[in-house]
Amino acid sequence: MNKFEKTNAQFEAAIAECRDIFSKKLHDYGASWRILRPSSLTDQLFIKAKRIRSLEIKQESLVGEGIRPEFMALINYGIVGLIQLEKGFADCVDMNNDKAMTLYDHYTKEALELMKRKNHDYDEAWRDMRVSSYTDLILTKIERIKEIEDLGGATLVSEGIDANYMDIINYAVFGLIKLEK
């Protein structure tokens, strides 16, 4: 197995773990996230990434949950963000679990394909990065999303919110992979 195949397999394993959690939460709560407006979803991503950074700095969790579950939440909320961009937010739950899982699988496949292209071009540079750098890059992407939202989407040269969600998902997957070591 070459290095790119190893990364692809690790990516798919991380996504499978996140998918399992997403599916179980759908069972418990349904697609309750459908009511999240874009700014609320951005804030949810922010608190997850901010908690990771806080735990990295303090080296202690008083809640008892570590960094891994927060990276998984970033992946799942990033996918929710992509779904919300496509479908818009709703005033009530308007999506069944099967449809939500179909969309989840669609966007994880897109994230994997993007990661493969970028990983080829950057030649696995992520493997030499620190997990804390992924956290900071994710926080930067969230700040960019906030700015784009504040501009009403009217950017001049920047990637859109969807590209930032994809990068958040991929950096969070890299974080999960690195934390496995």
Protein backbone atom coordinates (compact mmCIF):
# COMPACT_ATOMS: atom_id res chain seq x y z
CA MET A 1 0.00 0.00 0.00
CA ASN A 2 1.53 3.34 -1.02
CA LYS A 3 1.30 6.45 1.17
CA PHE A 4 -1.72 7.85 -0.68
CA GLU A 5 -3.63 4.58 -0.39
CA LYS A 6 -2.83 4.51 3.33
CA THR A 7 -4.19 8.03 3.74
CA ASN A 8 -7.33 7.18 1.76
CA ALA A 9 -7.95 4.12 3.96
CA GLN A 10 -7.37 6.13 7.15
CA PHE A 11 -9.68 8.87 5.88
CA GLU A 12 -12.42 6.36 5.10
CA ALA A 13 -12.04 4.72 8.53
CA ALA A 14 -12.32 8.09 10.29
CA ILE A 15 -15.40 9.00 8.25
CA ALA A 16 -16.97 5.61 8.98
CA GLU A 17 -16.59 6.29 12.71
CA CYS A 18 -18.16 9.74 12.31
CA ARG A 19 -20.94 8.32 10.13
CA ASP A 20 -21.81 5.80 12.83
CA ILE A 21 -22.18 8.60 15.39
CA PHE A 22 -24.18 10.72 12.94
CA SER A 23 -26.53 7.81 12.26
CA LYS A 24 -27.04 7.12 15.96
CA LYS A 25 -27.76 10.79 16.65
CA LEU A 26 -30.24 10.80 13.77
CA HIS A 27 -31.97 7.88 15.45
CA ASP A 28 -32.11 9.74 18.77
CA TYR A 29 -32.90 13.28 17.58
CA GLY A 30 -33.93 13.06 13.94
CA ALA A 31 -32.58 15.77 11.64
CA SER A 32 -33.19 18.43 14.30
CA TRP A 33 -30.20 20.34 12.90
CA ARG A 34 -32.38 21.32 9.91
CA ILE A 35 -33.57 24.35 11.92
CA LEU A 36 -30.04 25.76 12.26
CA ARG A 37 -29.58 29.00 10.37
CA PRO A 38 -26.13 29.53 8.83
CA SER A 39 -24.85 31.77 11.62
CA SER A 40 -25.96 29.30 14.30
CA LEU A 41 -24.20 26.46 12.52
CA THR A 42 -21.05 28.57 12.24
CA ASP A 43 -21.22 29.27 15.98
CA GLN A 44 -21.62 25.55 16.68
CA LEU A 45 -18.49 24.84 14.65
CA PHE A 46 -16.75 27.67 16.51
CA ILE A 47 -17.48 26.30 19.99
CA LYS A 48 -16.25 22.83 19.00
CA ALA A 49 -12.98 24.17 17.56
CA LYS A 50 -12.54 26.61 20.46
CA ARG A 51 -12.93 23.73 22.93
CA ILE A 52 -10.23 21.74 21.12
CA ARG A 53 -7.88 24.71 21.31
CA SER A 54 -8.69 25.21 24.98
CA LEU A 55 -7.96 21.56 25.76
CA GLU A 56 -4.72 21.69 23.77
CA ILE A 57 -3.57 24.70 25.78
CA LYS A 58 -4.83 23.68 29.23
CA GLN A 59 -3.99 19.99 28.83
CA GLU A 60 -6.95 19.16 31.05
CA SER A 61 -10.66 18.51 30.58
CA LEU A 62 -13.02 19.11 33.49
CA VAL A 63 -15.95 17.67 31.49
CA GLY A 64 -14.14 14.40 30.86
CA GLU A 65 -14.45 14.39 27.09
CA GLY A 66 -11.33 14.73 25.02
CA ILE A 67 -10.30 16.23 21.72
CA ARG A 68 -11.27 13.27 19.46
CA PRO A 69 -15.04 13.66 19.96
CA GLU A 70 -14.76 17.36 19.11
CA PHE A 71 -12.94 16.62 15.84
CA MET A 72 -15.69 14.12 15.03
CA ALA A 73 -18.30 16.78 15.79
CA LEU A 74 -16.51 19.22 13.48
CA ILE A 75 -16.67 16.66 10.69
CA ASN A 76 -20.35 15.97 11.25
CA TYR A 77 -21.30 19.64 11.62
CA GLY A 78 -19.22 20.46 8.53
CA ILE A 79 -21.29 17.95 6.59
CA VAL A 80 -24.48 19.38 8.11
CA GLY A 81 -23.26 22.77 6.89
CA LEU A 82 -22.90 21.50 3.34
CA ILE A 83 -26.39 19.99 3.50
CA GLN A 84 -27.79 23.25 4.85
CA LEU A 85 -26.10 25.21 2.06
CA GLU A 86 -27.77 22.94 -0.49
CA LYS A 87 -31.20 22.72 1.12
CA GLY A 88 -31.43 25.92 3.15
CA PHE A 89 -32.58 25.89 6.76
CA ALA A 90 -36.10 24.86 7.74
CA ASP A 91 -38.56 25.95 10.41
CA CYS A 92 -39.11 22.34 11.43
CA VAL A 93 -37.57 18.95 10.77
CA ASP A 94 -38.38 18.29 7.14
CA MET A 95 -35.99 15.48 6.29
CA ASN A 96 -36.17 11.81 7.14
CA ASN A 97 -33.16 9.89 8.36
CA ASP A 98 -32.65 8.00 5.10
CA LYS A 99 -32.43 11.24 3.11
CA ALA A 100 -30.07 12.73 5.69
CA MET A 101 -27.77 9.70 5.44
CA THR A 102 -27.85 9.82 1.64
CA LEU A 103 -26.75 13.46 1.74
CA TYR A 104 -24.15 12.65 4.40
CA ASP A 105 -22.65 9.98 2.17
CA HIS A 106 -22.68 12.32 -0.84
CA TYR A 107 -20.74 15.03 0.97
CA THR A 108 -18.26 12.68 2.61
CA LYS A 109 -17.49 11.30 -0.84
CA GLU A 110 -16.91 14.86 -2.11
CA ALA A 111 -14.64 15.59 0.87
CA LEU A 112 -12.65 12.42 0.19
CA GLU A 113 -12.21 13.31 -3.47
CA LEU A 114 -11.07 16.83 -2.58
CA MET A 115 -8.64 15.45 0.00
CA LYS A 116 -7.19 13.07 -2.60
CA ARG A 117 -6.57 15.92 -5.06
CA LYS A 118 -5.05 18.22 -2.45
CA ASN A 119 -3.05 15.42 -0.85
CA HIS A 120 -1.54 14.66 -4.24
CA ASP A 121 -0.58 18.29 -4.81
CA TYR A 122 0.72 18.87 -1.27
CA ASP A 123 2.39 15.44 -1.10
CA GLU A 124 1.15 14.44 2.35
CA ALA A 125 2.41 17.65 4.00
CA TRP A 126 -0.34 17.26 6.62
CA ARG A 127 1.53 14.30 8.13
CA ASP A 128 4.36 16.62 9.21
CA MET A 129 2.01 19.16 10.78
CA ARG A 130 1.01 19.37 14.43
CA VAL A 131 -2.57 18.65 15.46
CA SER A 132 -2.68 22.12 17.01
CA SER A 133 -2.09 23.57 13.54
CA TYR A 134 -5.21 21.81 12.26
CA THR A 135 -7.13 23.41 15.13
CA ASP A 136 -5.83 26.87 14.28
CA LEU A 137 -6.54 26.38 10.57
CA ILE A 138 -10.08 25.24 11.38
CA LEU A 139 -10.62 28.32 13.56
CA THR A 140 -9.31 30.46 10.69
CA LYS A 141 -11.76 28.81 8.27
CA ILE A 142 -14.60 29.49 10.73
CA GLU A 143 -13.61 33.16 10.95
CA ARG A 144 -13.63 33.29 7.14
CA ILE A 145 -17.12 31.79 7.09
CA LYS A 146 -18.27 34.44 9.57
CA GLU A 147 -16.88 37.19 7.35
CA ILE A 148 -18.52 35.73 4.24
CA GLU A 149 -21.83 35.48 6.12
CA ASP A 150 -21.47 39.10 7.27
CA LEU A 151 -20.84 40.11 3.65
CA GLY A 152 -23.97 38.28 2.56
CA GLY A 153 -21.82 35.99 0.42
CA ALA A 154 -20.55 38.87 -1.74
CA THR A 155 -16.85 38.04 -1.88
CA LEU A 156 -14.42 39.43 -4.42
CA VAL A 157 -11.83 36.68 -4.84
CA SER A 158 -12.37 34.21 -2.02
CA GLU A 159 -13.64 30.65 -2.01
CA GLY A 160 -17.16 30.24 -0.79
CA ILE A 161 -18.50 28.88 2.45
CA ASP A 162 -18.72 25.38 0.98
CA ALA A 163 -14.96 25.27 0.34
CA ASN A 164 -14.32 26.31 3.92
CA TYR A 165 -16.64 23.57 5.22
CA MET A 166 -14.76 21.03 3.10
CA ASP A 167 -11.42 22.21 4.49
CA ILE A 168 -12.76 22.02 8.06
CA ILE A 169 -13.89 18.44 7.44
CA ASN A 170 -10.54 17.44 5.96
CA TYR A 171 -8.43 19.12 8.67
CA ALA A 172 -10.59 17.46 11.32
CA VAL A 173 -10.11 14.06 9.65
CA PHE A 174 -6.35 14.65 9.66
CA GLY A 175 -6.62 15.48 13.36
CA LEU A 176 -8.41 12.20 14.03
CA ILE A 177 -5.80 10.26 12.07
CA LYS A 178 -2.91 11.93 13.89
CA LEU A 179 -4.54 11.36 17.30
CA GLU A 180 -4.71 7.62 16.54
CA LYS A 181 -0.91 7.35 16.72
